[in-house]
C-alpha atoms as a PDB file:
ATOM      1  CA  MET A   1      37.890  31.331-118.377  1.00  0.00           C
ATOM      2  CA  LYS A   2      38.651  34.563-120.201  1.00  0.00           C
ATOM      3  CA  VAL A   3      38.864  34.709-124.020  1.00  0.00           C
ATOM      4  CA  LEU A   4      39.796  37.705-126.160  1.00  0.00           C
ATOM      5  CA  VAL A   5      38.383  38.002-129.692  1.00  0.00           C
ATOM      6  CA  LEU A   6      40.666  40.181-131.811  1.00  0.00           C
ATOM      7  CA  ASN A   7      39.725  41.439-135.260  1.00  0.00           C
ATOM      8  CA  GLY A   8      42.031  43.239-137.640  1.00  0.00           C
ATOM      9  CA  PRO A   9      41.591  45.662-140.515  1.00  0.00           C
ATOM     10  CA  ASN A  10      38.310  46.032-142.383  1.00  0.00           C
ATOM     11  CA  LEU A  11      36.449  43.586-140.145  1.00  0.00           C
ATOM     12  CA  ASN A  12      34.492  46.546-138.795  1.00  0.00           C
ATOM     13  CA  ARG A  13      32.970  46.573-142.309  1.00  0.00           C
ATOM     14  CA  LEU A  14      31.495  43.060-142.072  1.00  0.00           C
ATOM     15  CA  GLY A  15      28.027  42.969-143.564  1.00  0.00           C
ATOM     16  CA  LYS A  16      28.906  45.787-145.970  1.00  0.00           C
ATOM     17  CA  ARG A  17      32.255  44.701-147.401  1.00  0.00           C
ATOM     18  CA  GLU A  18      32.046  42.107-150.177  1.00  0.00           C
ATOM     19  CA  PRO A  19      29.058  40.189-148.761  1.00  0.00           C
ATOM     20  CA  GLY A  20      29.484  37.556-151.473  1.00  0.00           C
ATOM     21  CA  ILE A  21      32.761  36.580-149.797  1.00  0.00           C
ATOM     22  CA  TYR A  22      32.268  37.557-146.161  1.00  0.00           C
ATOM     23  CA  GLY A  23      28.483  37.245-145.743  1.00  0.00           C
ATOM     24  CA  ALA A  24      25.815  39.613-144.458  1.00  0.00           C
ATOM     25  CA  GLU A  25      26.513  39.330-140.728  1.00  0.00           C
ATOM     26  CA  THR A  26      28.048  42.345-139.027  1.00  0.00           C
ATOM     27  CA  LEU A  27      30.832  42.233-136.465  1.00  0.00           C
ATOM     28  CA  GLU A  28      28.195  43.116-133.860  1.00  0.00           C
ATOM     29  CA  ASP A  29      26.213  40.012-134.927  1.00  0.00           C
ATOM     30  CA  VAL A  30      29.308  37.853-134.453  1.00  0.00           C
ATOM     31  CA  GLU A  31      29.954  39.370-131.029  1.00  0.00           C
ATOM     32  CA  ARG A  32      26.326  38.829-129.960  1.00  0.00           C
ATOM     33  CA  LYS A  33      26.482  35.177-131.010  1.00  0.00           C
ATOM     34  CA  LEU A  34      29.719  34.621-129.095  1.00  0.00           C
ATOM     35  CA  ARG A  35      28.345  36.348-125.996  1.00  0.00           C
ATOM     36  CA  ASP A  36      25.402  33.916-126.070  1.00  0.00           C
ATOM     37  CA  VAL A  37      27.695  30.885-126.297  1.00  0.00           C
ATOM     38  CA  ALA A  38      30.029  32.289-123.650  1.00  0.00           C
ATOM     39  CA  GLY A  39      27.154  33.108-121.309  1.00  0.00           C
ATOM     40  CA  ASP A  40      25.940  29.529-121.439  1.00  0.00           C
ATOM     41  CA  SER A  41      29.463  28.376-120.543  1.00  0.00           C
ATOM     42  CA  LEU A  42      30.317  31.033-117.936  1.00  0.00           C
ATOM     43  CA  VAL A  43      33.166  32.347-120.076  1.00  0.00           C
ATOM     44  CA  GLU A  44      34.154  35.998-120.104  1.00  0.00           C
ATOM     45  CA  VAL A  45      34.619  37.170-123.689  1.00  0.00           C
ATOM     46  CA  GLN A  46      36.263  40.466-124.554  1.00  0.00           C
ATOM     47  CA  PHE A  47      36.199  41.994-128.029  1.00  0.00           C
ATOM     48  CA  PHE A  48      38.640  44.313-129.760  1.00  0.00           C
ATOM     49  CA  GLN A  49      38.828  45.436-133.383  1.00  0.00           C
ATOM     50  CA  SER A  50      41.367  47.777-134.913  1.00  0.00           C
ATOM     51  CA  ASN A  51      42.568  48.769-138.332  1.00  0.00           C
ATOM     52  CA  SER A  52      45.915  49.598-136.722  1.00  0.00           C
ATOM     53  CA  GLU A  53      48.680  47.015-136.483  1.00  0.00           C
ATOM     54  CA  GLY A  54      50.200  48.666-133.400  1.00  0.00           C
ATOM     55  CA  ALA A  55      46.911  48.646-131.488  1.00  0.00           C
ATOM     56  CA  LEU A  56      46.518  44.916-132.170  1.00  0.00           C
ATOM     57  CA  ILE A  57      50.077  44.244-130.990  1.00  0.00           C
ATOM     58  CA  ASP A  58      49.441  46.202-127.790  1.00  0.00           C
ATOM     59  CA  ARG A  59      46.227  44.256-127.166  1.00  0.00           C
ATOM     60  CA  ILE A  60      48.022  40.910-127.602  1.00  0.00           C
ATOM     61  CA  HIS A  61      50.651  41.974-125.059  1.00  0.00           C
ATOM     62  CA  ASP A  62      47.952  43.231-122.666  1.00  0.00           C
ATOM     63  CA  ALA A  63      46.115  39.896-122.952  1.00  0.00           C
ATOM     64  CA  GLU A  64      49.007  38.098-121.312  1.00  0.00           C
ATOM     65  CA  ASP A  65      49.257  40.714-118.562  1.00  0.00           C
ATOM     66  CA  GLU A  66      45.486  40.303-117.940  1.00  0.00           C
ATOM     67  CA  SER A  67      45.771  36.487-117.682  1.00  0.00           C
ATOM     68  CA  VAL A  68      43.587  35.891-120.728  1.00  0.00           C
ATOM     69  CA  ASP A  69      43.222  32.141-121.339  1.00  0.00           C
ATOM     70  CA  GLY A  70      42.972  32.288-125.125  1.00  0.00           C
ATOM     71  CA  ILE A  71      42.831  34.620-128.112  1.00  0.00           C
ATOM     72  CA  ILE A  72      40.622  34.127-131.160  1.00  0.00           C
ATOM     73  CA  PHE A  73      42.323  36.245-133.823  1.00  0.00           C
ATOM     74  CA  ASN A  74      41.206  37.245-137.287  1.00  0.00           C
ATOM     75  CA  PRO A  75      44.154  39.363-138.433  1.00  0.00           C
ATOM     76  CA  GLY A  76      42.518  40.232-141.766  1.00  0.00           C
ATOM     77  CA  ALA A  77      45.011  41.312-144.410  1.00  0.00           C
ATOM     78  CA  PHE A  78      47.796  41.439-141.789  1.00  0.00           C
ATOM     79  CA  THR A  79      47.691  37.625-141.945  1.00  0.00           C
ATOM     80  CA  HIS A  80      49.785  37.596-145.066  1.00  0.00           C
ATOM     81  CA  TYR A  81      52.610  39.970-144.220  1.00  0.00           C
ATOM     82  CA  SER A  82      52.708  41.241-140.639  1.00  0.00           C
ATOM     83  CA  ILE A  83      55.855  39.852-139.098  1.00  0.00           C
ATOM     84  CA  ALA A  84      55.244  42.293-136.225  1.00  0.00           C
ATOM     85  CA  LEU A  85      51.904  40.638-135.375  1.00  0.00           C
ATOM     86  CA  ARG A  86      53.469  37.196-135.782  1.00  0.00           C
ATOM     87  CA  ASP A  87      56.189  38.188-133.341  1.00  0.00           C
ATOM     88  CA  ALA A  88      53.624  39.586-130.889  1.00  0.00           C
ATOM     89  CA  VAL A  89      51.730  36.272-130.893  1.00  0.00           C
ATOM     90  CA  ALA A  90      55.016  34.373-130.475  1.00  0.00           C
ATOM     91  CA  SER A  91      56.052  36.628-127.582  1.00  0.00           C
ATOM     92  CA  VAL A  92      53.134  35.697-125.303  1.00  0.00           C
ATOM     93  CA  THR A  93      52.192  32.433-123.623  1.00  0.00           C
ATOM     94  CA  VAL A  94      48.478  32.920-124.371  1.00  0.00           C
ATOM     95  CA  PRO A  95      47.314  30.328-126.923  1.00  0.00           C
ATOM     96  CA  VAL A  96      45.959  31.833-130.150  1.00  0.00           C
ATOM     97  CA  ILE A  97      43.592  30.374-132.738  1.00  0.00           C
ATOM     98  CA  GLU A  98      43.670  32.159-136.088  1.00  0.00           C
ATOM     99  CA  VAL A  99      40.243  32.531-137.725  1.00  0.00           C
ATOM    100  CA  HIS A 100      39.255  33.517-141.261  1.00  0.00           C
ATOM    101  CA  ILE A 101      35.707  33.848-142.556  1.00  0.00           C
ATOM    102  CA  SER A 102      36.633  32.884-146.112  1.00  0.00           C
ATOM    103  CA  ASN A 103      38.855  29.965-147.055  1.00  0.00           C
ATOM    104  CA  ILE A 104      42.134  31.805-147.568  1.00  0.00           C
ATOM    105  CA  HIS A 105      43.649  28.677-149.116  1.00  0.00           C
ATOM    106  CA  SER A 106      41.227  28.759-152.050  1.00  0.00           C
ATOM    107  CA  ARG A 107      41.573  32.469-152.786  1.00  0.00           C
ATOM    108  CA  GLU A 108      44.182  34.582-154.563  1.00  0.00           C
ATOM    109  CA  ALA A 109      47.762  33.343-154.252  1.00  0.00           C
ATOM    110  CA  PHE A 110      48.790  36.290-152.051  1.00  0.00           C
ATOM    111  CA  ARG A 111      46.057  35.343-149.516  1.00  0.00           C
ATOM    112  CA  GLN A 112      47.070  31.693-149.239  1.00  0.00           C
ATOM    113  CA  THR A 113      50.005  32.180-146.889  1.00  0.00           C
ATOM    114  CA  SER A 114      49.685  33.094-143.231  1.00  0.00           C
ATOM    115  CA  VAL A 115      52.797  34.300-141.453  1.00  0.00           C
ATOM    116  CA  ILE A 116      50.844  34.112-138.181  1.00  0.00           C
ATOM    117  CA  ALA A 117      49.522  30.523-138.320  1.00  0.00           C
ATOM    118  CA  PRO A 118      52.860  28.876-137.454  1.00  0.00           C
ATOM    119  CA  VAL A 119      52.824  30.503-133.999  1.00  0.00           C
ATOM    120  CA  CYS A 120      49.155  29.674-133.310  1.00  0.00           C
ATOM    121  CA  ILE A 121      47.733  26.469-131.842  1.00  0.00           C
ATOM    122  CA  GLY A 122      45.407  26.190-134.839  1.00  0.00           C
ATOM    123  CA  GLN A 123      43.667  27.884-137.730  1.00  0.00           C
ATOM    124  CA  LEU A 124      40.016  27.842-138.804  1.00  0.00           C
ATOM    125  CA  SER A 125      39.428  29.037-142.349  1.00  0.00           C
ATOM    126  CA  GLY A 126      36.365  28.957-144.568  1.00  0.00           C
ATOM    127  CA  PHE A 127      33.598  28.282-142.031  1.00  0.00           C
ATOM    128  CA  GLY A 128      32.150  31.776-142.301  1.00  0.00           C
ATOM    129  CA  THR A 129      31.515  33.548-139.037  1.00  0.00           C
ATOM    130  CA  ASP A 130      30.869  30.148-137.419  1.00  0.00           C
ATOM    131  CA  GLY A 131      34.668  29.837-137.282  1.00  0.00           C
ATOM    132  CA  TYR A 132      34.661  32.201-134.304  1.00  0.00           C
ATOM    133  CA  GLU A 133      32.252  29.939-132.422  1.00  0.00           C
ATOM    134  CA  LEU A 134      34.267  26.851-133.356  1.00  0.00           C
ATOM    135  CA  ALA A 135      37.386  28.530-131.961  1.00  0.00           C
ATOM    136  CA  LEU A 136      35.554  29.375-128.737  1.00  0.00           C
ATOM    137  CA  GLN A 137      34.391  25.752-128.469  1.00  0.00           C
ATOM    138  CA  ALA A 138      38.022  24.643-128.929  1.00  0.00           C
ATOM    139  CA  PHE A 139      39.068  26.832-125.982  1.00  0.00           C
ATOM    140  CA  LEU A 140      36.211  25.426-123.900  1.00  0.00           C
ATOM    141  CA  LEU A 141      37.449  21.892-124.637  1.00  0.00           C
ATOM    142  CA  ARG A 142      40.983  22.949-123.771  1.00  0.00           C
ATOM    143  CA  GLY A 143      39.675  24.328-120.489  1.00  0.00           C
ATOM    144  CA  LYS A 144      38.266  20.861-119.752  1.00  0.00           C
ATOM    145  CA  GLY A 145      41.670  19.285-120.277  1.00  0.00           C
ATOM    146  CA  VAL A 146      41.239  18.136-123.884  1.00  0.00           C
ATOM    147  CA  LYS A 147      44.593  18.431-125.633  1.00  0.00           C
ATOM    148  CA  LEU A 148      44.324  20.270-128.926  1.00  0.00           C
END
């Protein structure tokens, strides 16, 4: 199984950016944790972070061409307004789970709507960086035939 972990704008600043909201873990810490889980399960995990909408769109398209089995996607602020990213997710057959470190539904009104969630198989929001691991576990269950 091959899973791509995509992170959008400002997630390269994890651990430094608003730690009261996003915690003290860095993106490298999250990646290390996921590599450990994936290694135990013989899953190949790829990581990509960009502050550029176009680069994220290209990576979503490439994921399908590379026969990626699932995408764990934290689109950051693009969650709330990027129709282009929504359309990119809708244009591929690769299942996507949207992940957010904070609970976007309990934050400012402009953060409470995701234009991307409707084209994803699910959304995890508010579990901190553990949401990434929960999404990976969901793909592992899917790989075992569990319908999500």
